[in-house]
Amino acid sequence: VKECKPGIGCVTNLPLPRYVSLKGDQGN
């Protein structure tokens, strides 16, 4: 958590928060 940049995802380096969509019929 400490290594993460504010507003940037540690894994993808994409902005946080951001929007995506549900790919299939359901998601747990």
PDB file of all heavy atoms in Angstrom:
ATOM      1  N   VAL A   1       0.830  -1.192   0.000  1.00  0.00           N
ATOM      2  CA  VAL A   1       0.000   0.000   0.000  1.00  0.00           C
ATOM      3  C   VAL A   1       0.869   1.247   0.000  1.00  0.00           C
ATOM      4  O   VAL A   1       0.590   2.225  -0.670  1.00  0.00           O
ATOM      5  CB  VAL A   1      -0.939  -0.006   1.227  1.00  0.00           C
ATOM      6  CG1 VAL A   1      -1.686   1.314   1.323  1.00  0.00           C
ATOM      7  CG2 VAL A   1      -1.912  -1.169   1.139  1.00  0.00           C
ATOM      8  N   LYS A   2       1.984   1.183   0.744  1.00  0.00           N
ATOM      9  CA  LYS A   2       2.865   2.332   0.858  1.00  0.00           C
ATOM     10  C   LYS A   2       3.521   2.675  -0.469  1.00  0.00           C
ATOM     11  O   LYS A   2       3.821   3.822  -0.767  1.00  0.00           O
ATOM     12  CB  LYS A   2       3.936   2.042   1.922  1.00  0.00           C
ATOM     13  CG  LYS A   2       4.698   3.264   2.404  1.00  0.00           C
ATOM     14  CD  LYS A   2       5.588   2.903   3.582  1.00  0.00           C
ATOM     15  CE  LYS A   2       6.303   4.138   4.110  1.00  0.00           C
ATOM     16  NZ  LYS A   2       7.161   3.807   5.267  1.00  0.00           N
ATOM     17  N   GLU A   3       3.788   1.656  -1.306  1.00  0.00           N
ATOM     18  CA  GLU A   3       4.453   1.862  -2.582  1.00  0.00           C
ATOM     19  C   GLU A   3       3.511   2.386  -3.664  1.00  0.00           C
ATOM     20  O   GLU A   3       3.957   2.849  -4.701  1.00  0.00           O
ATOM     21  CB  GLU A   3       5.089   0.553  -3.054  1.00  0.00           C
ATOM     22  CG  GLU A   3       6.267   0.111  -2.193  1.00  0.00           C
ATOM     23  CD  GLU A   3       6.811  -1.229  -2.623  1.00  0.00           C
ATOM     24  OE1 GLU A   3       6.163  -1.864  -3.492  1.00  0.00           O
ATOM     25  OE2 GLU A   3       7.859  -1.648  -2.115  1.00  0.00           O
ATOM     26  N   CYS A   4       2.221   2.291  -3.452  1.00  0.00           N
ATOM     27  CA  CYS A   4       1.257   2.729  -4.453  1.00  0.00           C
ATOM     28  C   CYS A   4       1.232   4.251  -4.552  1.00  0.00           C
ATOM     29  O   CYS A   4       1.252   4.954  -3.541  1.00  0.00           O
ATOM     30  CB  CYS A   4      -0.145   2.229  -4.101  1.00  0.00           C
ATOM     31  SG  CYS A   4      -0.275   0.435  -4.103  1.00  0.00           S
ATOM     32  N   LYS A   5       1.149   4.753  -5.768  1.00  0.00           N
ATOM     33  CA  LYS A   5       1.025   6.188  -5.975  1.00  0.00           C
ATOM     34  C   LYS A   5      -0.436   6.593  -5.775  1.00  0.00           C
ATOM     35  O   LYS A   5      -1.338   5.858  -6.165  1.00  0.00           O
ATOM     36  CB  LYS A   5       1.484   6.565  -7.382  1.00  0.00           C
ATOM     37  CG  LYS A   5       2.944   6.279  -7.656  1.00  0.00           C
ATOM     38  CD  LYS A   5       3.300   6.650  -9.080  1.00  0.00           C
ATOM     39  CE  LYS A   5       4.761   6.335  -9.382  1.00  0.00           C
ATOM     40  NZ  LYS A   5       5.100   6.666 -10.791  1.00  0.00           N
ATOM     41  N   PRO A   6      -0.684   7.733  -5.194  1.00  0.00           N
ATOM     42  CA  PRO A   6      -2.065   8.192  -4.989  1.00  0.00           C
ATOM     43  C   PRO A   6      -2.816   8.282  -6.325  1.00  0.00           C
ATOM     44  O   PRO A   6      -2.314   8.864  -7.285  1.00  0.00           O
ATOM     45  CB  PRO A   6      -1.886   9.578  -4.362  1.00  0.00           C
ATOM     46  CG  PRO A   6      -0.531   9.544  -3.733  1.00  0.00           C
ATOM     47  CD  PRO A   6       0.301   8.673  -4.622  1.00  0.00           C
ATOM     48  N   GLY A   7      -3.995   7.679  -6.365  1.00  0.00           N
ATOM     49  CA  GLY A   7      -4.818   7.753  -7.564  1.00  0.00           C
ATOM     50  C   GLY A   7      -4.381   6.844  -8.696  1.00  0.00           C
ATOM     51  O   GLY A   7      -4.928   6.918  -9.802  1.00  0.00           O
ATOM     52  N   ILE A   8      -3.404   5.944  -8.447  1.00  0.00           N
ATOM     53  CA  ILE A   8      -2.912   5.031  -9.469  1.00  0.00           C
ATOM     54  C   ILE A   8      -2.943   3.608  -8.930  1.00  0.00           C
ATOM     55  O   ILE A   8      -2.510   3.338  -7.810  1.00  0.00           O
ATOM     56  CB  ILE A   8      -1.472   5.382  -9.902  1.00  0.00           C
ATOM     57  CG1 ILE A   8      -1.418   6.796 -10.467  1.00  0.00           C
ATOM     58  CG2 ILE A   8      -0.956   4.380 -10.931  1.00  0.00           C
ATOM     59  CD1 ILE A   8      -2.201   6.997 -11.744  1.00  0.00           C
ATOM     60  N   GLY A   9      -3.440   2.674  -9.740  1.00  0.00           N
ATOM     61  CA  GLY A   9      -3.489   1.282  -9.321  1.00  0.00           C
ATOM     62  C   GLY A   9      -2.107   0.672  -9.254  1.00  0.00           C
ATOM     63  O   GLY A   9      -1.316   0.816 -10.185  1.00  0.00           O
ATOM     64  N   CYS A  10      -1.807  -0.045  -8.167  1.00  0.00           N
ATOM     65  CA  CYS A  10      -0.480  -0.655  -7.993  1.00  0.00           C
ATOM     66  C   CYS A  10      -0.207  -1.739  -9.027  1.00  0.00           C
ATOM     67  O   CYS A  10       0.937  -1.972  -9.396  1.00  0.00           O
ATOM     68  CB  CYS A  10      -0.386  -1.273  -6.601  1.00  0.00           C
ATOM     69  SG  CYS A  10      -0.521  -0.093  -5.257  1.00  0.00           S
ATOM     70  N   VAL A  11      -1.245  -2.428  -9.489  1.00  0.00           N
ATOM     71  CA  VAL A  11      -1.069  -3.554 -10.402  1.00  0.00           C
ATOM     72  C   VAL A  11      -1.056  -3.097 -11.862  1.00  0.00           C
ATOM     73  O   VAL A  11      -0.187  -3.478 -12.642  1.00  0.00           O
ATOM     74  CB  VAL A  11      -2.179  -4.602 -10.195  1.00  0.00           C
ATOM     75  CG1 VAL A  11      -2.009  -5.772 -11.157  1.00  0.00           C
ATOM     76  CG2 VAL A  11      -2.184  -5.088  -8.758  1.00  0.00           C
ATOM     77  N   THR A  12      -2.010  -2.281 -12.247  1.00  0.00           N
ATOM     78  CA  THR A  12      -2.183  -1.918 -13.660  1.00  0.00           C
ATOM     79  C   THR A  12      -1.587  -0.567 -14.029  1.00  0.00           C
ATOM     80  O   THR A  12      -1.446  -0.264 -15.215  1.00  0.00           O
ATOM     81  CB  THR A  12      -3.678  -1.872 -14.014  1.00  0.00           C
ATOM     82  OG1 THR A  12      -4.312  -0.836 -13.219  1.00  0.00           O
ATOM     83  CG2 THR A  12      -4.354  -3.205 -13.713  1.00  0.00           C
ATOM     84  N   ASN A  13      -1.280   0.260 -13.038  1.00  0.00           N
ATOM     85  CA  ASN A  13      -0.835   1.643 -13.285  1.00  0.00           C
ATOM     86  C   ASN A  13      -1.905   2.482 -13.974  1.00  0.00           C
ATOM     87  O   ASN A  13      -1.600   3.500 -14.602  1.00  0.00           O
ATOM     88  CB  ASN A  13       0.459   1.674 -14.107  1.00  0.00           C
ATOM     89  CG  ASN A  13       1.658   1.229 -13.287  1.00  0.00           C
ATOM     90  OD1 ASN A  13       1.756   1.539 -12.104  1.00  0.00           O
ATOM     91  ND2 ASN A  13       2.551   0.485 -13.913  1.00  0.00           N
ATOM     92  N   LEU A  14      -3.149   2.048 -13.848  1.00  0.00           N
ATOM     93  CA  LEU A  14      -4.280   2.802 -14.389  1.00  0.00           C
ATOM     94  C   LEU A  14      -4.879   3.664 -13.278  1.00  0.00           C
ATOM     95  O   LEU A  14      -4.681   3.387 -12.096  1.00  0.00           O
ATOM     96  CB  LEU A  14      -5.337   1.847 -14.950  1.00  0.00           C
ATOM     97  CG  LEU A  14      -4.914   1.028 -16.167  1.00  0.00           C
ATOM     98  CD1 LEU A  14      -5.996   0.013 -16.526  1.00  0.00           C
ATOM     99  CD2 LEU A  14      -4.621   1.930 -17.357  1.00  0.00           C
ATOM    100  N   PRO A  15      -5.618   4.702 -13.652  1.00  0.00           N
ATOM    101  CA  PRO A  15      -6.185   5.602 -12.633  1.00  0.00           C
ATOM    102  C   PRO A  15      -7.144   4.881 -11.683  1.00  0.00           C
ATOM    103  O   PRO A  15      -7.828   3.932 -12.060  1.00  0.00           O
ATOM    104  CB  PRO A  15      -6.932   6.645 -13.481  1.00  0.00           C
ATOM    105  CG  PRO A  15      -6.285   6.596 -14.823  1.00  0.00           C
ATOM    106  CD  PRO A  15      -5.903   5.169 -15.028  1.00  0.00           C
ATOM    107  N   LEU A  16      -7.171   5.350 -10.464  1.00  0.00           N
ATOM    108  CA  LEU A  16      -8.143   4.918  -9.451  1.00  0.00           C
ATOM    109  C   LEU A  16      -8.757   6.158  -8.814  1.00  0.00           C
ATOM    110  O   LEU A  16      -8.030   7.091  -8.465  1.00  0.00           O
ATOM    111  CB  LEU A  16      -7.471   4.074  -8.363  1.00  0.00           C
ATOM    112  CG  LEU A  16      -7.076   2.641  -8.696  1.00  0.00           C
ATOM    113  CD1 LEU A  16      -6.373   1.995  -7.510  1.00  0.00           C
ATOM    114  CD2 LEU A  16      -8.284   1.820  -9.103  1.00  0.00           C
ATOM    115  N   PRO A  17     -10.088   6.180  -8.669  1.00  0.00           N
ATOM    116  CA  PRO A  17     -11.010   5.158  -9.187  1.00  0.00           C
ATOM    117  C   PRO A  17     -11.181   5.285 -10.704  1.00  0.00           C
ATOM    118  O   PRO A  17     -10.834   6.305 -11.290  1.00  0.00           O
ATOM    119  CB  PRO A  17     -12.314   5.470  -8.455  1.00  0.00           C
ATOM    120  CG  PRO A  17     -12.238   6.942  -8.196  1.00  0.00           C
ATOM    121  CD  PRO A  17     -10.801   7.253  -7.938  1.00  0.00           C
ATOM    122  N   ARG A  18     -11.736   4.242 -11.310  1.00  0.00           N
ATOM    123  CA  ARG A  18     -12.046   4.244 -12.737  1.00  0.00           C
ATOM    124  C   ARG A  18     -13.247   3.327 -12.956  1.00  0.00           C
ATOM    125  O   ARG A  18     -13.636   2.573 -12.057  1.00  0.00           O
ATOM    126  CB  ARG A  18     -10.860   3.777 -13.582  1.00  0.00           C
ATOM    127  CG  ARG A  18     -10.473   2.316 -13.373  1.00  0.00           C
ATOM    128  CD  ARG A  18      -9.308   1.904 -14.271  1.00  0.00           C
ATOM    129  NE  ARG A  18      -8.971   0.494 -14.123  1.00  0.00           N
ATOM    130  CZ  ARG A  18      -8.173   0.010 -13.201  1.00  0.00           C
ATOM    131  NH1 ARG A  18      -7.618   0.821 -12.324  1.00  0.00           N
ATOM    132  NH2 ARG A  18      -7.922  -1.293 -13.141  1.00  0.00           N
ATOM    133  N   TYR A  19     -13.805   3.382 -14.160  1.00  0.00           N
ATOM    134  CA  TYR A  19     -14.992   2.576 -14.459  1.00  0.00           C
ATOM    135  C   TYR A  19     -14.661   1.432 -15.424  1.00  0.00           C
ATOM    136  O   TYR A  19     -13.858   1.591 -16.342  1.00  0.00           O
ATOM    137  CB  TYR A  19     -16.096   3.441 -15.068  1.00  0.00           C
ATOM    138  CG  TYR A  19     -16.679   4.435 -14.106  1.00  0.00           C
ATOM    139  CD1 TYR A  19     -16.219   5.753 -14.081  1.00  0.00           C
ATOM    140  CD2 TYR A  19     -17.684   4.074 -13.211  1.00  0.00           C
ATOM    141  CE1 TYR A  19     -16.733   6.681 -13.196  1.00  0.00           C
ATOM    142  CE2 TYR A  19     -18.211   4.992 -12.323  1.00  0.00           C
ATOM    143  CZ  TYR A  19     -17.733   6.295 -12.318  1.00  0.00           C
ATOM    144  OH  TYR A  19     -18.256   7.202 -11.436  1.00  0.00           O
ATOM    145  N   VAL A  20     -15.300   0.295 -15.181  1.00  0.00           N
ATOM    146  CA  VAL A  20     -15.229  -0.861 -16.067  1.00  0.00           C
ATOM    147  C   VAL A  20     -16.658  -1.385 -16.210  1.00  0.00           C
ATOM    148  O   VAL A  20     -17.608  -0.745 -15.763  1.00  0.00           O
ATOM    149  CB  VAL A  20     -14.307  -1.959 -15.486  1.00  0.00           C
ATOM    150  CG1 VAL A  20     -12.859  -1.480 -15.435  1.00  0.00           C
ATOM    151  CG2 VAL A  20     -14.782  -2.395 -14.093  1.00  0.00           C
ATOM    152  N   SER A  21     -16.807  -2.546 -16.821  1.00  0.00           N
ATOM    153  CA  SER A  21     -18.140  -3.152 -16.924  1.00  0.00           C
ATOM    154  C   SER A  21     -18.056  -4.638 -16.651  1.00  0.00           C
ATOM    155  O   SER A  21     -16.981  -5.238 -16.717  1.00  0.00           O
ATOM    156  CB  SER A  21     -18.748  -2.901 -18.317  1.00  0.00           C
ATOM    157  OG  SER A  21     -17.920  -3.438 -19.338  1.00  0.00           O
ATOM    158  N   LEU A  22     -19.192  -5.238 -16.311  1.00  0.00           N
ATOM    159  CA  LEU A  22     -19.258  -6.678 -16.049  1.00  0.00           C
ATOM    160  C   LEU A  22     -19.217  -7.422 -17.380  1.00  0.00           C
ATOM    161  O   LEU A  22     -20.032  -7.179 -18.254  1.00  0.00           O
ATOM    162  CB  LEU A  22     -20.538  -7.013 -15.284  1.00  0.00           C
ATOM    163  CG  LEU A  22     -20.717  -8.462 -14.842  1.00  0.00           C
ATOM    164  CD1 LEU A  22     -19.631  -8.861 -13.845  1.00  0.00           C
ATOM    165  CD2 LEU A  22     -22.098  -8.661 -14.230  1.00  0.00           C
ATOM    166  N   LYS A  23     -18.268  -8.346 -17.519  1.00  0.00           N
ATOM    167  CA  LYS A  23     -18.058  -9.019 -18.802  1.00  0.00           C
ATOM    168  C   LYS A  23     -19.140 -10.047 -19.104  1.00  0.00           C
ATOM    169  O   LYS A  23     -19.615 -10.155 -20.232  1.00  0.00           O
ATOM    170  CB  LYS A  23     -16.682  -9.688 -18.822  1.00  0.00           C
ATOM    171  CG  LYS A  23     -16.334 -10.332 -20.149  1.00  0.00           C
ATOM    172  CD  LYS A  23     -14.976 -11.003 -20.094  1.00  0.00           C
ATOM    173  CE  LYS A  23     -13.854  -9.988 -19.975  1.00  0.00           C
ATOM    174  NZ  LYS A  23     -12.507 -10.636 -20.056  1.00  0.00           N
ATOM    175  N   GLY A  24     -19.524 -10.848 -18.140  1.00  0.00           N
ATOM    176  CA  GLY A  24     -20.475 -11.927 -18.383  1.00  0.00           C
ATOM    177  C   GLY A  24     -21.828 -11.693 -17.745  1.00  0.00           C
ATOM    178  O   GLY A  24     -22.220 -10.557 -17.456  1.00  0.00           O
ATOM    179  N   ASP A  25     -22.538 -12.801 -17.507  1.00  0.00           N
ATOM    180  CA  ASP A  25     -23.884 -12.720 -16.947  1.00  0.00           C
ATOM    181  C   ASP A  25     -23.889 -12.500 -15.444  1.00  0.00           C
ATOM    182  O   ASP A  25     -24.887 -12.044 -14.892  1.00  0.00           O
ATOM    183  CB  ASP A  25     -24.668 -13.994 -17.269  1.00  0.00           C
ATOM    184  CG  ASP A  25     -24.951 -14.130 -18.752  1.00  0.00           C
ATOM    185  OD1 ASP A  25     -24.940 -13.101 -19.449  1.00  0.00           O
ATOM    186  OD2 ASP A  25     -25.168 -15.269 -19.211  1.00  0.00           O
ATOM    187  N   GLN A  26     -22.796 -12.863 -14.780  1.00  0.00           N
ATOM    188  CA  GLN A  26     -22.760 -12.661 -13.339  1.00  0.00           C
ATOM    189  C   GLN A  26     -21.323 -12.564 -12.860  1.00  0.00           C
ATOM    190  O   GLN A  26     -20.387 -13.039 -13.511  1.00  0.00           O
ATOM    191  CB  GLN A  26     -23.505 -13.760 -12.603  1.00  0.00           C
ATOM    192  CG  GLN A  26     -22.701 -15.022 -12.295  1.00  0.00           C
ATOM    193  CD  GLN A  26     -23.468 -15.987 -11.407  1.00  0.00           C
ATOM    194  OE1 GLN A  26     -24.689 -16.089 -11.471  1.00  0.00           O
ATOM    195  NE2 GLN A  26     -22.749 -16.710 -10.582  1.00  0.00           N
ATOM    196  N   GLY A  27     -21.148 -11.915 -11.719  1.00  0.00           N
ATOM    197  CA  GLY A  27     -19.823 -11.777 -11.134  1.00  0.00           C
ATOM    198  C   GLY A  27     -19.914 -11.811  -9.624  1.00  0.00           C
ATOM    199  O   GLY A  27     -20.693 -11.078  -9.015  1.00  0.00           O
ATOM    200  N   ASN A  28     -19.136 -12.686  -9.004  1.00  0.00           N
ATOM    201  CA  ASN A  28     -19.122 -12.792  -7.551  1.00  0.00           C
ATOM    202  C   ASN A  28     -18.252 -11.698  -6.947  1.00  0.00           C
ATOM    203  O   ASN A  28     -17.092 -11.530  -7.324  1.00  0.00           O
ATOM    204  CB  ASN A  28     -18.566 -14.151  -7.116  1.00  0.00           C
ATOM    205  CG  ASN A  28     -19.488 -15.301  -7.483  1.00  0.00           C
ATOM    206  OD1 ASN A  28     -20.685 -15.105  -7.648  1.00  0.00           O
ATOM    207  ND2 ASN A  28     -18.928 -16.485  -7.628  1.00  0.00           N
TER     208      ASN A  28
END
